[in-house]
């Protein structure tokens, strides 16, 4: 087994994502691994009979806000002696995470999980679970609680 040289950290700007990024930073230090922090967003579409559309204004507003959020999250970890790159993608988060993992040759994905169960999970879905089930590389899930990391 070879140790990862690139860790991919998908974020949604929540406290759980921040905990995952903090964990990944600490993991990357002894490995001398590069971090790639990514965010994937989906555009809302408005439906009319036979047509779905998104306005250019909404598209640029969402993209710009997502980029600001990504930049701000990375800025909180810049002085940690770890190389951090960022990727912003439009699309389904689980699909984009797996695509970016391949593109950057990630050896591991570190992702936050809210740990929802039952009805809440049914309603909200679980990006982390989709990534766990579909990833070709190891995935570490991190909860925001102090007792957190659970390897899967």
Protein backbone atom coordinates (compact mmCIF):
# COMPACT_ATOMS: atom_id res chain seq x y z
CA UNK A 1 0.00 0.00 0.00
CA UNK A 2 1.30 3.44 -0.88
CA UNK A 3 0.47 6.48 1.19
CA UNK A 4 -1.54 9.20 -0.54
CA UNK A 5 0.29 12.23 -1.89
CA UNK A 6 -2.92 14.11 -2.70
CA UNK A 7 -5.97 14.32 -0.44
CA UNK A 8 -9.28 15.55 -1.84
CA UNK A 9 -11.56 17.39 0.57
CA UNK A 10 -15.06 18.15 -0.74
CA UNK A 11 -16.70 20.94 1.27
CA UNK A 12 -20.17 22.43 1.61
CA UNK A 13 -19.09 25.30 3.92
CA UNK A 14 -20.66 23.71 7.01
CA UNK A 15 -18.97 23.19 10.38
CA UNK A 16 -18.72 19.52 9.47
CA UNK A 17 -16.80 20.38 6.29
CA UNK A 18 -14.50 22.62 8.28
CA UNK A 19 -13.82 19.74 10.70
CA UNK A 20 -13.01 17.47 7.75
CA UNK A 21 -10.64 20.08 6.32
CA UNK A 22 -8.91 20.52 9.69
CA UNK A 23 -8.50 16.74 9.94
CA UNK A 24 -7.14 16.57 6.38
CA UNK A 25 -4.63 19.35 7.11
CA UNK A 26 -3.29 17.42 10.12
CA UNK A 27 -3.19 14.19 8.09
CA UNK A 28 -1.40 15.89 5.19
CA UNK A 29 1.42 17.30 7.32
CA UNK A 30 3.27 14.05 8.16
CA UNK A 31 2.46 12.64 4.71
CA UNK A 32 3.68 15.84 3.02
CA UNK A 33 0.57 15.51 0.91
CA UNK A 34 -1.11 18.20 -1.14
CA UNK A 35 -4.71 19.07 -0.35
CA UNK A 36 -7.27 19.78 -3.03
CA UNK A 37 -10.32 21.43 -1.50
CA UNK A 38 -13.34 21.37 -3.75
CA UNK A 39 -16.92 22.51 -3.80
CA UNK A 40 -19.57 21.37 -6.24
CA UNK A 41 -22.84 23.22 -6.63
CA UNK A 42 -25.98 22.53 -8.58
CA UNK A 43 -27.95 25.23 -10.31
CA UNK A 44 -31.65 25.61 -9.60
CA UNK A 45 -33.76 25.12 -12.69
CA UNK A 46 -37.16 26.56 -13.40
CA UNK A 47 -39.53 24.29 -15.21
CA UNK A 48 -42.05 25.19 -17.83
CA UNK A 49 -43.85 22.62 -19.91
CA UNK A 50 -41.13 20.91 -21.92
CA UNK A 51 -38.41 23.39 -20.88
CA UNK A 52 -36.02 23.79 -17.96
CA UNK A 53 -33.89 26.89 -17.63
CA UNK A 54 -31.56 28.80 -15.36
CA UNK A 55 -30.89 32.48 -15.89
CA UNK A 56 -27.33 33.73 -16.48
CA UNK A 57 -27.67 36.11 -13.51
CA UNK A 58 -28.50 33.26 -11.14
CA UNK A 59 -25.66 31.17 -12.56
CA UNK A 60 -23.02 33.86 -12.02
CA UNK A 61 -24.37 34.80 -8.58
CA UNK A 62 -24.20 31.20 -7.35
CA UNK A 63 -20.78 30.60 -8.92
CA UNK A 64 -19.34 33.81 -7.41
CA UNK A 65 -20.77 33.08 -3.95
CA UNK A 66 -19.43 29.52 -4.07
CA UNK A 67 -15.97 30.78 -5.06
CA UNK A 68 -15.98 33.30 -2.21
CA UNK A 69 -16.98 30.57 0.24
CA UNK A 70 -14.26 28.26 -1.03
CA UNK A 71 -11.61 31.00 -0.85
CA UNK A 72 -12.68 31.95 2.69
CA UNK A 73 -12.57 28.36 3.92
CA UNK A 74 -9.10 27.80 2.48
CA UNK A 75 -7.85 31.12 3.89
CA UNK A 76 -8.51 29.84 7.43
CA UNK A 77 -5.95 27.06 6.84
CA UNK A 78 -3.32 28.83 4.70
CA UNK A 79 -0.69 29.12 7.43
CA UNK A 80 -0.65 25.39 8.17
CA UNK A 81 2.47 24.49 6.12
CA UNK A 82 0.41 22.39 3.70
CA UNK A 83 -0.04 23.03 -0.02
CA UNK A 84 -3.74 23.69 -0.68
CA UNK A 85 -5.32 23.99 -4.11
CA UNK A 86 -8.99 24.60 -4.86
CA UNK A 87 -11.47 23.38 -7.43
CA UNK A 88 -14.97 24.74 -8.02
CA UNK A 89 -17.34 22.62 -10.08
CA UNK A 90 -20.93 22.81 -11.25
CA UNK A 91 -22.77 19.52 -11.01
CA UNK A 92 -23.93 16.82 -8.62
CA UNK A 93 -21.53 16.84 -5.66
CA UNK A 94 -20.92 13.08 -5.50
CA UNK A 95 -20.32 12.81 -9.25
CA UNK A 96 -18.06 15.85 -9.33
CA UNK A 97 -16.09 14.61 -6.32
CA UNK A 98 -15.30 11.33 -8.03
CA UNK A 99 -14.40 13.14 -11.26
CA UNK A 100 -12.07 15.56 -9.48
CA UNK A 101 -10.50 12.68 -7.53
CA UNK A 102 -9.52 11.09 -10.83
CA UNK A 103 -8.37 14.37 -12.39
CA UNK A 104 -6.04 15.30 -9.51
CA UNK A 105 -4.89 11.70 -8.87
CA UNK A 106 -6.15 11.83 -5.29
CA UNK A 107 -5.13 8.93 -3.10
CA UNK A 108 -7.83 9.56 -0.51
CA UNK A 109 -11.01 11.57 -0.01
CA UNK A 110 -11.65 13.20 3.37
CA UNK A 111 -15.26 14.31 3.74
CA UNK A 112 -17.46 15.60 6.53
CA UNK A 113 -20.62 13.75 7.43
CA UNK A 114 -23.56 15.00 9.44
CA UNK A 115 -24.41 11.47 10.55
CA UNK A 116 -28.10 11.82 9.78
CA UNK A 117 -30.19 8.69 10.06
CA UNK A 118 -33.74 7.64 9.43
CA UNK A 119 -36.20 10.14 8.02
CA UNK A 120 -33.72 13.06 7.97
CA UNK A 121 -31.33 11.02 5.82
CA UNK A 122 -34.16 9.95 3.55
CA UNK A 123 -35.19 13.56 2.98
CA UNK A 124 -31.73 15.12 2.79
CA UNK A 125 -29.83 12.30 1.10
CA UNK A 126 -26.20 11.80 1.88
CA UNK A 127 -23.45 13.05 -0.37
CA UNK A 128 -20.88 11.35 1.86
CA UNK A 129 -22.66 8.02 1.55
CA UNK A 130 -22.88 8.33 -2.24
CA UNK A 131 -19.15 9.03 -2.36
CA UNK A 132 -18.39 6.12 -0.02
CA UNK A 133 -20.36 3.77 -2.24
CA UNK A 134 -18.96 4.96 -5.56
CA UNK A 135 -15.36 5.98 -4.85
CA UNK A 136 -12.51 3.95 -6.30
CA UNK A 137 -10.16 5.27 -3.58
CA UNK A 138 -10.26 5.22 0.23
CA UNK A 139 -12.68 7.62 1.91
CA UNK A 140 -12.40 8.94 5.46
CA UNK A 141 -15.53 10.47 6.94
CA UNK A 142 -15.28 13.08 9.69
CA UNK A 143 -18.01 14.30 12.03
CA UNK A 144 -17.89 17.74 13.60
CA UNK A 145 -18.06 16.16 17.08
CA UNK A 146 -14.69 15.72 18.82
CA UNK A 147 -14.87 11.90 18.79
CA UNK A 148 -15.16 12.01 15.08
CA UNK A 149 -13.07 10.34 12.32
CA UNK A 150 -14.52 7.08 11.10
CA UNK A 151 -12.57 5.34 8.34
CA UNK A 152 -14.58 3.55 5.73
